[in-house]
């Protein structure tokens, strides 16, 4: 087994999002009557979003990883992680609303949990965006997060 924590951080992030994102979705929905954004049915480490769902579907994967020296016999591993949420709804309005609520939920989740329950020494969002495809009722939230963890070499 390698000492590198990249895959462990990804798996930990997917597990953390599975356990905690529904609470933040509920908070994003609170105060609004009518349509309520659904909680994710599955969040996992994967390279591609499956076309068949289940929707809402969450995918996390690593992009670039930087390794910095951080002291004697230590290094800081800093992966940039993509968090992609795929949504499917009956109308473009519902998809757009769900995307905005997922954006709010992810911003709050990262803002209030800088270590993500021990997944990383420091975790933060770098960017977040959405895309709605009105012709087929699909929408996507695309977030880029940075995780940092010091390890002994």
N, C-alpha and C. Protein backbone atom coordinates (compact mmCIF):
# COMPACT_ATOMS: atom_id res chain seq x y z
N UNK A 1 0.85 -1.18 0.00
CA UNK A 1 0.00 0.00 0.00
C UNK A 1 0.89 1.24 0.00
N UNK A 2 0.55 2.20 -0.80
CA UNK A 2 1.31 3.44 -0.90
C UNK A 2 1.01 4.36 0.29
N UNK A 3 1.93 5.25 0.56
CA UNK A 3 1.69 6.26 1.59
C UNK A 3 0.89 7.44 1.03
N UNK A 4 0.80 7.54 -0.28
CA UNK A 4 0.10 8.65 -0.90
C UNK A 4 -1.40 8.56 -0.60
N UNK A 5 -1.99 9.67 -0.17
CA UNK A 5 -3.38 9.64 0.27
C UNK A 5 -4.41 10.07 -0.77
N UNK A 6 -4.02 10.19 -2.04
CA UNK A 6 -4.94 10.77 -3.02
C UNK A 6 -6.24 9.97 -3.11
N UNK A 7 -6.15 8.67 -3.35
CA UNK A 7 -7.38 7.89 -3.48
C UNK A 7 -8.15 7.82 -2.17
N UNK A 8 -7.44 7.74 -1.04
CA UNK A 8 -8.14 7.75 0.26
C UNK A 8 -8.90 9.06 0.47
N UNK A 9 -8.31 10.19 0.04
CA UNK A 9 -9.02 11.46 0.17
C UNK A 9 -10.25 11.49 -0.74
N UNK A 10 -10.13 10.97 -1.96
CA UNK A 10 -11.29 10.93 -2.87
C UNK A 10 -12.41 10.07 -2.30
N UNK A 11 -12.06 8.88 -1.84
CA UNK A 11 -13.07 7.99 -1.26
C UNK A 11 -13.69 8.62 -0.02
N UNK A 12 -12.85 9.24 0.80
CA UNK A 12 -13.35 9.93 1.99
C UNK A 12 -14.28 11.08 1.64
N UNK A 13 -13.95 11.83 0.58
CA UNK A 13 -14.80 12.93 0.15
C UNK A 13 -16.15 12.41 -0.33
N UNK A 14 -16.16 11.35 -1.13
CA UNK A 14 -17.43 10.78 -1.61
C UNK A 14 -18.28 10.29 -0.43
N UNK A 15 -17.65 9.64 0.54
CA UNK A 15 -18.36 9.16 1.72
C UNK A 15 -18.89 10.33 2.54
N UNK A 16 -18.08 11.38 2.70
CA UNK A 16 -18.49 12.55 3.47
C UNK A 16 -19.67 13.26 2.79
N UNK A 17 -19.60 13.41 1.48
CA UNK A 17 -20.70 14.05 0.75
C UNK A 17 -21.97 13.21 0.85
N UNK A 18 -21.85 11.90 0.74
CA UNK A 18 -23.02 11.01 0.85
C UNK A 18 -23.69 11.19 2.20
N UNK A 19 -22.90 11.28 3.25
CA UNK A 19 -23.45 11.39 4.61
C UNK A 19 -23.98 12.78 4.94
N UNK A 20 -23.37 13.83 4.39
CA UNK A 20 -23.68 15.19 4.85
C UNK A 20 -24.38 16.10 3.85
N UNK A 21 -24.22 15.86 2.56
CA UNK A 21 -24.84 16.75 1.58
C UNK A 21 -26.37 16.80 1.70
N UNK A 22 -27.06 15.68 2.02
CA UNK A 22 -28.52 15.78 2.17
C UNK A 22 -28.97 16.82 3.20
N UNK A 23 -28.23 16.97 4.28
CA UNK A 23 -28.56 17.98 5.29
C UNK A 23 -28.46 19.39 4.70
N UNK A 24 -27.43 19.61 3.90
CA UNK A 24 -27.24 20.92 3.30
C UNK A 24 -28.24 21.18 2.17
N UNK A 25 -28.67 20.13 1.47
CA UNK A 25 -29.73 20.28 0.46
C UNK A 25 -31.03 20.67 1.17
N UNK A 26 -31.33 20.00 2.28
CA UNK A 26 -32.54 20.34 3.04
C UNK A 26 -32.50 21.78 3.51
N UNK A 27 -31.35 22.25 3.95
CA UNK A 27 -31.21 23.64 4.38
C UNK A 27 -31.38 24.59 3.19
N UNK A 28 -30.83 24.23 2.03
CA UNK A 28 -30.98 25.07 0.84
C UNK A 28 -32.45 25.14 0.40
N UNK A 29 -33.19 24.04 0.62
CA UNK A 29 -34.61 24.00 0.28
C UNK A 29 -35.48 24.76 1.29
N UNK A 30 -35.00 24.90 2.51
CA UNK A 30 -35.84 25.50 3.56
C UNK A 30 -36.19 26.95 3.22
N UNK A 31 -37.41 27.30 3.55
CA UNK A 31 -37.86 28.65 3.28
C UNK A 31 -38.49 28.82 1.91
N UNK A 32 -38.46 27.78 1.11
CA UNK A 32 -39.06 27.83 -0.22
C UNK A 32 -40.24 26.87 -0.26
N UNK A 33 -41.37 27.33 -0.74
CA UNK A 33 -42.50 26.43 -0.94
C UNK A 33 -42.44 25.91 -2.37
N UNK A 34 -43.21 24.89 -2.64
CA UNK A 34 -43.22 24.34 -3.99
C UNK A 34 -42.09 23.35 -4.19
N UNK A 35 -41.40 23.47 -5.30
CA UNK A 35 -40.37 22.51 -5.68
C UNK A 35 -39.25 22.44 -4.64
N UNK A 36 -38.85 21.22 -4.32
CA UNK A 36 -37.74 20.95 -3.41
C UNK A 36 -36.69 20.12 -4.14
N UNK A 37 -35.47 20.60 -4.15
CA UNK A 37 -34.39 19.85 -4.81
C UNK A 37 -34.21 18.51 -4.12
N UNK A 38 -34.09 17.42 -4.89
CA UNK A 38 -33.93 16.10 -4.29
C UNK A 38 -32.50 15.86 -3.81
N UNK A 39 -32.36 14.96 -2.86
CA UNK A 39 -31.02 14.60 -2.38
C UNK A 39 -30.39 13.62 -3.36
N UNK A 40 -29.06 13.55 -3.38
CA UNK A 40 -28.39 12.64 -4.32
C UNK A 40 -28.73 11.18 -4.02
N UNK A 41 -28.91 10.41 -5.07
CA UNK A 41 -29.16 8.98 -4.91
C UNK A 41 -27.86 8.21 -4.78
N UNK A 42 -26.78 8.76 -5.34
CA UNK A 42 -25.50 8.08 -5.26
C UNK A 42 -24.39 9.11 -5.47
N UNK A 43 -23.32 8.98 -4.69
CA UNK A 43 -22.11 9.79 -4.87
C UNK A 43 -20.94 8.82 -4.78
N UNK A 44 -20.08 8.82 -5.80
CA UNK A 44 -18.97 7.88 -5.80
C UNK A 44 -17.77 8.44 -6.57
N UNK A 45 -16.63 7.80 -6.36
CA UNK A 45 -15.42 8.13 -7.12
C UNK A 45 -15.57 7.44 -8.47
N UNK A 46 -15.49 8.25 -9.51
CA UNK A 46 -15.70 7.70 -10.86
C UNK A 46 -15.15 8.67 -11.89
N UNK A 47 -14.87 8.17 -13.09
CA UNK A 47 -14.35 9.01 -14.17
C UNK A 47 -15.45 9.66 -15.00
N UNK A 48 -16.60 9.00 -15.12
CA UNK A 48 -17.70 9.50 -15.94
C UNK A 48 -19.03 9.35 -15.22
N UNK A 49 -19.95 10.25 -15.52
CA UNK A 49 -21.31 10.14 -14.99
C UNK A 49 -22.06 9.14 -15.86
N UNK A 50 -22.68 8.13 -15.26
CA UNK A 50 -23.42 7.16 -16.06
C UNK A 50 -24.66 7.80 -16.69
N UNK A 51 -24.89 7.55 -17.96
CA UNK A 51 -26.01 8.16 -18.67
C UNK A 51 -27.36 7.73 -18.10
N UNK A 52 -27.41 6.54 -17.52
CA UNK A 52 -28.67 6.03 -17.00
C UNK A 52 -28.95 6.46 -15.56
N UNK A 53 -28.03 7.22 -14.95
CA UNK A 53 -28.24 7.67 -13.58
C UNK A 53 -27.72 6.65 -12.59
N UNK A 54 -28.29 6.63 -11.41
CA UNK A 54 -29.52 7.26 -10.94
C UNK A 54 -29.31 8.76 -10.69
N UNK A 55 -30.33 9.55 -10.91
CA UNK A 55 -30.25 10.99 -10.73
C UNK A 55 -31.05 11.41 -9.51
N UNK A 56 -30.60 12.39 -8.77
CA UNK A 56 -29.33 13.09 -8.86
C UNK A 56 -28.15 12.16 -8.54
N UNK A 57 -27.10 12.34 -9.31
CA UNK A 57 -25.92 11.50 -9.21
C UNK A 57 -24.70 12.38 -8.98
N UNK A 58 -23.88 12.00 -8.01
CA UNK A 58 -22.67 12.75 -7.72
C UNK A 58 -21.42 11.94 -8.04
N UNK A 59 -20.45 12.63 -8.64
CA UNK A 59 -19.20 11.99 -9.01
C UNK A 59 -18.05 12.86 -8.50
N UNK A 60 -17.05 12.24 -7.91
CA UNK A 60 -15.84 12.96 -7.54
C UNK A 60 -14.66 12.28 -8.22
N UNK A 61 -13.72 13.11 -8.66
CA UNK A 61 -12.52 12.57 -9.28
C UNK A 61 -11.39 13.59 -9.14
N UNK A 62 -10.17 13.11 -9.19
CA UNK A 62 -9.01 13.97 -9.04
C UNK A 62 -8.62 14.56 -10.39
N UNK A 63 -8.19 15.79 -10.36
CA UNK A 63 -7.63 16.44 -11.54
C UNK A 63 -6.12 16.51 -11.32
N UNK A 64 -5.57 17.69 -11.22
CA UNK A 64 -4.14 17.86 -10.99
C UNK A 64 -3.82 17.70 -9.50
N UNK A 65 -2.64 17.14 -9.20
CA UNK A 65 -2.17 17.03 -7.83
C UNK A 65 -0.79 17.66 -7.73
N UNK A 66 -0.62 18.51 -6.73
CA UNK A 66 0.65 19.19 -6.47
C UNK A 66 1.24 18.59 -5.20
N UNK A 67 2.55 18.38 -5.22
CA UNK A 67 3.26 17.88 -4.04
C UNK A 67 4.28 18.93 -3.64
N UNK A 68 4.16 19.43 -2.41
CA UNK A 68 5.09 20.43 -1.89
C UNK A 68 5.83 19.86 -0.68
N UNK A 69 7.09 20.24 -0.52
CA UNK A 69 7.81 19.91 0.70
C UNK A 69 7.20 20.72 1.83
N UNK A 70 7.10 20.11 3.01
CA UNK A 70 6.50 20.86 4.12
C UNK A 70 7.22 20.60 5.43
N UNK A 71 8.48 20.29 5.35
CA UNK A 71 9.26 20.04 6.56
C UNK A 71 10.07 18.77 6.38
N UNK A 72 10.88 18.49 7.40
CA UNK A 72 11.73 17.31 7.32
C UNK A 72 10.87 16.05 7.30
N UNK A 73 11.11 15.21 6.31
CA UNK A 73 10.38 13.96 6.13
C UNK A 73 8.87 14.14 5.99
N UNK A 74 8.44 15.28 5.50
CA UNK A 74 7.02 15.54 5.29
C UNK A 74 6.79 16.14 3.91
N UNK A 75 5.65 15.88 3.38
CA UNK A 75 5.24 16.54 2.14
C UNK A 75 3.76 16.85 2.21
N UNK A 76 3.38 17.90 1.52
CA UNK A 76 1.98 18.29 1.47
C UNK A 76 1.44 17.84 0.11
N UNK A 77 0.40 17.01 0.15
CA UNK A 77 -0.27 16.52 -1.04
C UNK A 77 -1.49 17.42 -1.25
N UNK A 78 -1.60 18.02 -2.44
CA UNK A 78 -2.68 18.98 -2.71
C UNK A 78 -3.39 18.60 -4.01
N UNK A 79 -4.37 17.70 -3.94
CA UNK A 79 -5.12 17.36 -5.16
C UNK A 79 -6.23 18.39 -5.43
N UNK A 80 -6.41 18.71 -6.69
CA UNK A 80 -7.57 19.46 -7.13
C UNK A 80 -8.61 18.42 -7.52
N UNK A 81 -9.81 18.57 -6.98
CA UNK A 81 -10.84 17.56 -7.13
C UNK A 81 -12.05 18.14 -7.84
N UNK A 82 -12.60 17.39 -8.78
CA UNK A 82 -13.85 17.77 -9.43
C UNK A 82 -15.01 17.10 -8.71
N UNK A 83 -16.02 17.88 -8.40
CA UNK A 83 -17.26 17.36 -7.85
C UNK A 83 -18.34 17.70 -8.87
N UNK A 84 -18.93 16.68 -9.45
CA UNK A 84 -19.93 16.87 -10.49
C UNK A 84 -21.25 16.25 -10.04
N UNK A 85 -22.30 17.04 -10.07
CA UNK A 85 -23.63 16.55 -9.72
C UNK A 85 -24.48 16.62 -10.98
N UNK A 86 -25.05 15.49 -11.39
CA UNK A 86 -25.95 15.45 -12.54
C UNK A 86 -27.37 15.34 -12.04
N UNK A 87 -28.24 16.19 -12.59
CA UNK A 87 -29.65 16.23 -12.18
C UNK A 87 -30.53 16.01 -13.40
N UNK A 88 -31.70 15.46 -13.17
CA UNK A 88 -32.68 15.27 -14.24
C UNK A 88 -34.04 15.62 -13.67
N UNK A 89 -34.73 16.55 -14.33
CA UNK A 89 -36.05 16.99 -13.88
C UNK A 89 -36.98 17.14 -15.07
N UNK A 90 -38.25 17.33 -14.79
CA UNK A 90 -39.27 17.38 -15.85
C UNK A 90 -39.30 18.72 -16.59
N UNK A 91 -38.79 19.79 -15.97
CA UNK A 91 -38.81 21.10 -16.63
C UNK A 91 -37.46 21.80 -16.44
N UNK A 92 -37.11 22.70 -17.37
CA UNK A 92 -35.86 23.47 -17.20
C UNK A 92 -35.87 24.32 -15.93
N UNK A 93 -37.03 24.80 -15.52
CA UNK A 93 -37.12 25.61 -14.31
C UNK A 93 -36.74 24.79 -13.08
N UNK A 94 -37.22 23.55 -13.00
CA UNK A 94 -36.88 22.68 -11.87
C UNK A 94 -35.39 22.35 -11.87
N UNK A 95 -34.86 22.06 -13.05
CA UNK A 95 -33.42 21.75 -13.15
C UNK A 95 -32.59 22.94 -12.70
N UNK A 96 -32.95 24.14 -13.15
CA UNK A 96 -32.22 25.34 -12.76
C UNK A 96 -32.28 25.59 -11.26
N UNK A 97 -33.47 25.41 -10.69
CA UNK A 97 -33.64 25.58 -9.24
C UNK A 97 -32.80 24.56 -8.48
N UNK A 98 -32.85 23.30 -8.91
CA UNK A 98 -32.07 22.26 -8.24
C UNK A 98 -30.57 22.57 -8.32
N UNK A 99 -30.11 23.02 -9.48
CA UNK A 99 -28.69 23.36 -9.62
C UNK A 99 -28.29 24.48 -8.66
N UNK A 100 -29.09 25.51 -8.57
CA UNK A 100 -28.77 26.62 -7.66
C UNK A 100 -28.75 26.17 -6.20
N UNK A 101 -29.67 25.30 -5.84
CA UNK A 101 -29.71 24.82 -4.45
C UNK A 101 -28.52 23.92 -4.14
N UNK A 102 -28.09 23.11 -5.11
CA UNK A 102 -26.89 22.30 -4.92
C UNK A 102 -25.66 23.20 -4.80
N UNK A 103 -25.63 24.27 -5.57
CA UNK A 103 -24.51 25.21 -5.45
C UNK A 103 -24.47 25.79 -4.04
N UNK A 104 -25.62 26.25 -3.54
CA UNK A 104 -25.69 26.80 -2.18
C UNK A 104 -25.26 25.75 -1.15
N UNK A 105 -25.74 24.52 -1.32
CA UNK A 105 -25.43 23.46 -0.36
C UNK A 105 -23.93 23.16 -0.34
N UNK A 106 -23.30 23.05 -1.50
CA UNK A 106 -21.87 22.77 -1.54
C UNK A 106 -21.05 23.92 -0.96
N UNK A 107 -21.44 25.14 -1.27
CA UNK A 107 -20.72 26.30 -0.72
C UNK A 107 -20.80 26.29 0.80
N UNK A 108 -21.99 26.05 1.35
CA UNK A 108 -22.15 26.00 2.81
C UNK A 108 -21.38 24.83 3.42
N UNK A 109 -21.47 23.66 2.79
CA UNK A 109 -20.81 22.47 3.33
C UNK A 109 -19.30 22.69 3.44
N UNK A 110 -18.67 23.19 2.38
CA UNK A 110 -17.23 23.42 2.43
C UNK A 110 -16.89 24.59 3.34
N UNK A 111 -17.73 25.62 3.36
CA UNK A 111 -17.47 26.79 4.20
C UNK A 111 -17.51 26.48 5.69
N UNK A 112 -18.31 25.51 6.07
CA UNK A 112 -18.49 25.19 7.48
C UNK A 112 -17.67 23.99 7.96
N UNK A 113 -16.98 23.32 7.06
CA UNK A 113 -16.28 22.08 7.41
C UNK A 113 -14.92 22.05 6.74
N UNK A 114 -13.98 22.79 7.29
CA UNK A 114 -12.70 22.97 6.59
C UNK A 114 -11.84 21.71 6.50
N UNK A 115 -12.12 20.69 7.31
CA UNK A 115 -11.37 19.44 7.19
C UNK A 115 -12.24 18.29 6.66
N UNK A 116 -13.51 18.56 6.43
CA UNK A 116 -14.46 17.54 5.96
C UNK A 116 -14.41 16.29 6.85
N UNK A 117 -14.46 16.53 8.13
CA UNK A 117 -14.47 15.41 9.08
C UNK A 117 -13.19 14.60 9.11
N UNK A 118 -12.07 15.22 8.77
CA UNK A 118 -10.79 14.52 8.79
C UNK A 118 -10.35 13.97 7.44
N UNK A 119 -11.13 14.19 6.40
CA UNK A 119 -10.75 13.73 5.07
C UNK A 119 -9.47 14.43 4.62
N UNK A 120 -9.33 15.70 4.98
CA UNK A 120 -8.16 16.50 4.59
C UNK A 120 -7.76 17.39 5.74
N UNK A 121 -6.52 17.88 5.70
CA UNK A 121 -6.10 18.86 6.69
C UNK A 121 -6.77 20.20 6.45
N UNK A 122 -7.07 20.48 5.18
CA UNK A 122 -7.75 21.70 4.77
C UNK A 122 -8.46 21.41 3.46
N UNK A 123 -9.72 21.83 3.36
CA UNK A 123 -10.50 21.63 2.14
C UNK A 123 -11.28 22.90 1.85
N UNK A 124 -11.29 23.31 0.59
CA UNK A 124 -12.06 24.50 0.23
C UNK A 124 -12.45 24.44 -1.24
N UNK A 125 -13.56 25.11 -1.57
CA UNK A 125 -13.99 25.22 -2.95
C UNK A 125 -13.19 26.30 -3.65
N UNK A 126 -12.77 26.03 -4.85
CA UNK A 126 -12.10 27.05 -5.67
C UNK A 126 -13.07 27.70 -6.64
N UNK A 127 -14.00 26.91 -7.18
CA UNK A 127 -14.98 27.45 -8.12
C UNK A 127 -16.19 26.53 -8.17
N UNK A 128 -17.30 27.09 -8.64
CA UNK A 128 -18.53 26.31 -8.81
C UNK A 128 -19.33 26.95 -9.94
N UNK A 129 -19.95 26.10 -10.75
CA UNK A 129 -20.70 26.58 -11.90
C UNK A 129 -21.85 25.61 -12.15
N UNK A 130 -22.76 25.99 -13.04
CA UNK A 130 -23.85 25.10 -13.40
C UNK A 130 -24.10 25.18 -14.89
N UNK A 131 -24.72 24.14 -15.41
CA UNK A 131 -25.14 24.11 -16.81
C UNK A 131 -26.49 23.41 -16.86
N UNK A 132 -27.42 23.99 -17.60
CA UNK A 132 -28.75 23.41 -17.77
C UNK A 132 -28.96 23.13 -19.24
N UNK A 133 -29.39 21.91 -19.55
CA UNK A 133 -29.70 21.52 -20.92
C UNK A 133 -31.23 21.40 -21.02
N UNK A 134 -31.90 22.48 -21.39
CA UNK A 134 -33.36 22.50 -21.33
C UNK A 134 -34.03 21.47 -22.24
N UNK A 135 -33.41 21.10 -23.34
CA UNK A 135 -34.04 20.19 -24.29
C UNK A 135 -34.22 18.79 -23.72
N UNK A 136 -33.37 18.36 -22.77
CA UNK A 136 -33.53 17.01 -22.23
C UNK A 136 -33.71 16.98 -20.71
N UNK A 137 -33.93 18.13 -20.09
CA UNK A 137 -34.21 18.16 -18.66
C UNK A 137 -33.04 17.82 -17.77
N UNK A 138 -31.84 17.94 -18.28
CA UNK A 138 -30.64 17.63 -17.49
C UNK A 138 -29.96 18.91 -17.04
N UNK A 139 -29.31 18.81 -15.91
CA UNK A 139 -28.52 19.91 -15.39
C UNK A 139 -27.30 19.36 -14.67
N UNK A 140 -26.29 20.19 -14.58
CA UNK A 140 -25.04 19.77 -13.95
C UNK A 140 -24.51 20.88 -13.06
N UNK A 141 -24.02 20.51 -11.90
CA UNK A 141 -23.28 21.42 -11.04
C UNK A 141 -21.85 20.91 -11.07
N UNK A 142 -20.93 21.80 -11.38
CA UNK A 142 -19.52 21.44 -11.52
C UNK A 142 -18.73 22.28 -10.53
N UNK A 143 -18.16 21.63 -9.54
CA UNK A 143 -17.38 22.34 -8.52
C UNK A 143 -15.94 21.84 -8.57
N UNK A 144 -15.03 22.75 -8.29
CA UNK A 144 -13.62 22.39 -8.15
C UNK A 144 -13.22 22.70 -6.72
N UNK A 145 -12.69 21.69 -6.06
CA UNK A 145 -12.25 21.84 -4.68
C UNK A 145 -10.77 21.52 -4.59
N UNK A 146 -10.17 22.05 -3.56
CA UNK A 146 -8.78 21.75 -3.30
C UNK A 146 -8.72 21.12 -1.91
N UNK A 147 -8.03 19.99 -1.82
CA UNK A 147 -7.81 19.30 -0.55
C UNK A 147 -6.32 19.35 -0.25
N UNK A 148 -5.97 19.52 1.00
CA UNK A 148 -4.56 19.52 1.39
C UNK A 148 -4.37 18.58 2.56
N UNK A 149 -3.28 17.80 2.50
CA UNK A 149 -2.97 16.88 3.59
C UNK A 149 -1.47 16.70 3.67
N UNK A 150 -0.92 16.87 4.86
CA UNK A 150 0.51 16.62 5.08
C UNK A 150 0.72 15.16 5.43
N UNK A 151 1.75 14.57 4.81
CA UNK A 151 2.07 13.18 5.09
C UNK A 151 3.55 13.04 5.39
N UNK A 152 3.88 12.01 6.13
CA UNK A 152 5.28 11.71 6.37
C UNK A 152 5.81 10.89 5.21
N UNK A 153 7.08 11.15 4.87
CA UNK A 153 7.68 10.39 3.77
C UNK A 153 8.59 9.31 4.31
